[in-house]
Protein backbone atom coordinates (compact mmCIF):
# COMPACT_ATOMS: atom_id res chain seq x y z
CA MET A 1 3.79 86.09 79.29
CA LYS A 2 6.59 88.02 79.65
CA LYS A 3 8.64 84.86 81.33
CA MET A 4 8.28 83.06 79.05
CA ILE A 5 9.16 85.34 75.77
CA LEU A 6 12.56 85.90 78.27
CA ALA A 7 12.80 82.06 78.00
CA PHE A 8 12.66 82.34 74.57
CA CYS A 9 14.49 85.26 73.57
CA LEU A 10 17.36 83.49 75.74
CA VAL A 11 17.39 80.23 73.97
CA ILE A 12 17.13 81.74 70.57
CA LEU A 13 21.08 83.89 72.18
CA SER A 14 22.15 80.63 73.32
CA ALA A 15 21.86 79.13 70.13
CA LEU A 16 23.27 81.67 67.69
CA MET A 17 26.10 82.09 70.58
CA ILE A 18 27.14 77.96 70.01
CA SER A 19 26.52 78.38 66.54
CA GLY A 20 29.03 80.64 66.60
CA CYS A 21 31.94 79.38 67.78
CA GLY A 22 34.98 77.38 66.02
CA SER A 23 34.29 76.73 62.74
CA SER A 24 33.07 73.47 60.67
CA ASP A 25 36.78 72.76 59.03
CA GLY A 26 38.69 73.08 62.12
CA SER A 27 40.98 76.40 60.86
CA ALA A 28 41.51 79.50 62.00
CA LYS A 29 39.03 82.42 59.71
CA GLY A 30 39.83 86.27 59.44
CA ASN A 31 37.63 88.01 59.77
CA GLY A 32 38.70 90.22 57.00
CA GLU A 33 39.82 89.71 53.39
CA VAL A 34 42.28 87.21 52.41
CA LYS A 35 44.92 89.18 50.72
CA GLU A 36 47.04 86.80 48.31
CA PHE A 37 50.77 87.79 47.30
CA THR A 38 53.69 85.92 44.90
CA ILE A 39 57.51 87.42 46.83
CA ASP A 40 59.99 85.98 43.78
CA ALA A 41 63.58 85.01 45.50
CA THR A 42 66.13 85.31 43.09
CA ASN A 43 70.08 85.15 45.11
CA PHE A 44 70.26 88.46 47.76
CA GLU A 45 66.63 89.89 46.76
CA PHE A 46 62.84 89.29 47.48
CA ASP A 47 61.16 91.42 45.17
CA LEU A 48 57.96 92.24 47.19
CA LYS A 49 59.38 94.47 50.15
CA GLU A 50 56.84 95.60 52.23
CA ILE A 51 53.50 93.67 51.96
CA LYS A 52 50.01 95.61 53.50
CA VAL A 53 47.46 93.85 55.67
CA ASN A 54 44.84 95.36 57.88
CA LYS A 55 44.28 93.02 61.22
CA GLY A 56 42.09 90.16 60.62
CA ASP A 57 43.19 89.66 56.87
CA THR A 58 43.47 85.45 55.71
CA VAL A 59 47.38 86.36 54.10
CA LYS A 60 48.00 83.69 51.49
CA ILE A 61 51.95 84.33 50.43
CA THR A 62 53.18 81.79 47.85
CA LEU A 63 57.71 82.34 47.60
CA LYS A 64 58.61 81.25 44.53
CA ASN A 65 62.42 81.01 43.42
CA SER A 66 63.21 82.52 40.47
CA GLU A 67 67.27 81.76 41.46
CA GLY A 68 68.50 80.00 44.20
CA ASN A 69 67.11 77.54 46.66
CA HIS A 70 65.44 80.17 49.70
CA ALA A 71 62.47 80.07 52.33
CA VAL A 72 60.77 82.85 54.37
CA LYS A 73 60.24 82.74 57.82
CA PHE A 74 57.82 85.50 58.58
CA GLU A 75 58.88 86.40 62.81
CA GLY A 76 56.34 87.47 65.05
CA TYR A 77 54.15 84.95 63.57
CA ASN A 78 55.62 81.78 63.80
CA LYS A 79 55.17 81.01 59.81
CA GLU A 80 57.70 79.94 56.99
CA VAL A 81 56.64 79.75 53.65
CA GLN A 82 59.65 76.80 51.38
CA GLY A 83 60.33 77.72 47.75
CA ASP A 84 57.20 77.24 45.15
CA LYS A 85 54.86 76.42 48.01
CA THR A 86 52.46 78.36 49.62
CA ILE A 87 50.75 79.02 53.74
CA SER A 88 48.06 80.77 54.33
CA PHE A 89 47.28 82.15 58.38
CA VAL A 90 45.34 84.67 59.71
CA ALA A 91 46.78 87.97 60.64
CA ASP A 92 45.30 88.54 64.12
CA LYS A 93 48.13 90.90 65.67
CA ALA A 94 49.08 95.05 64.70
CA GLY A 95 52.56 96.13 63.92
CA GLU A 96 55.48 95.21 61.96
CA PHE A 97 56.81 91.83 61.23
CA LYS A 98 60.49 91.54 59.78
CA TYR A 99 60.42 88.43 57.19
CA GLU A 100 63.87 87.01 56.05
CA CYS A 101 65.23 84.54 53.60
CA SER A 102 65.16 81.82 56.33
CA ILE A 103 68.21 79.17 54.16
CA PHE A 104 71.64 80.64 54.37
CA CYS A 105 71.96 81.73 49.76
CA GLY A 106 75.03 83.29 49.86
CA ALA A 107 77.04 86.04 50.47
CA GLY A 108 74.43 88.50 49.96
CA HIS A 109 71.93 86.11 52.47
CA SER A 110 71.45 89.46 54.83
CA ASP A 111 69.46 91.22 52.51
CA MET A 112 67.04 88.89 51.61
CA VAL A 113 64.44 91.08 54.42
CA GLY A 114 61.10 92.30 54.09
CA THR A 115 58.43 93.99 56.38
CA LEU A 116 54.77 92.84 56.87
CA ILE A 117 52.70 95.96 58.54
CA VAL A 118 49.04 95.10 60.04
CA GLU A 119 47.39 97.41 60.48
């Protein structure tokens, strides 16, 4: 009887482990919340200088180009969002990561930076 209960428990455990692997649509999903941000870019400035999320959160970033042509590249995550588009990724690495304008836009281009903080 004990062997049957043990075998049954192993079957259930195996089924739970297999069903937990991967996601149905093939995309990575975080264990945390979905955090959405819009960065408004004008010539030589982002309105959002700091983005704070928790490790495991899904981060959605929309870039709005109010003035000029800009894109934002997130170091450490190999992600880039073009103007008037949205990207999403899972913040799976803790730390501080620089983001910056990745399209040269003139004399103040180097001032277009911010920090993604993953706690």
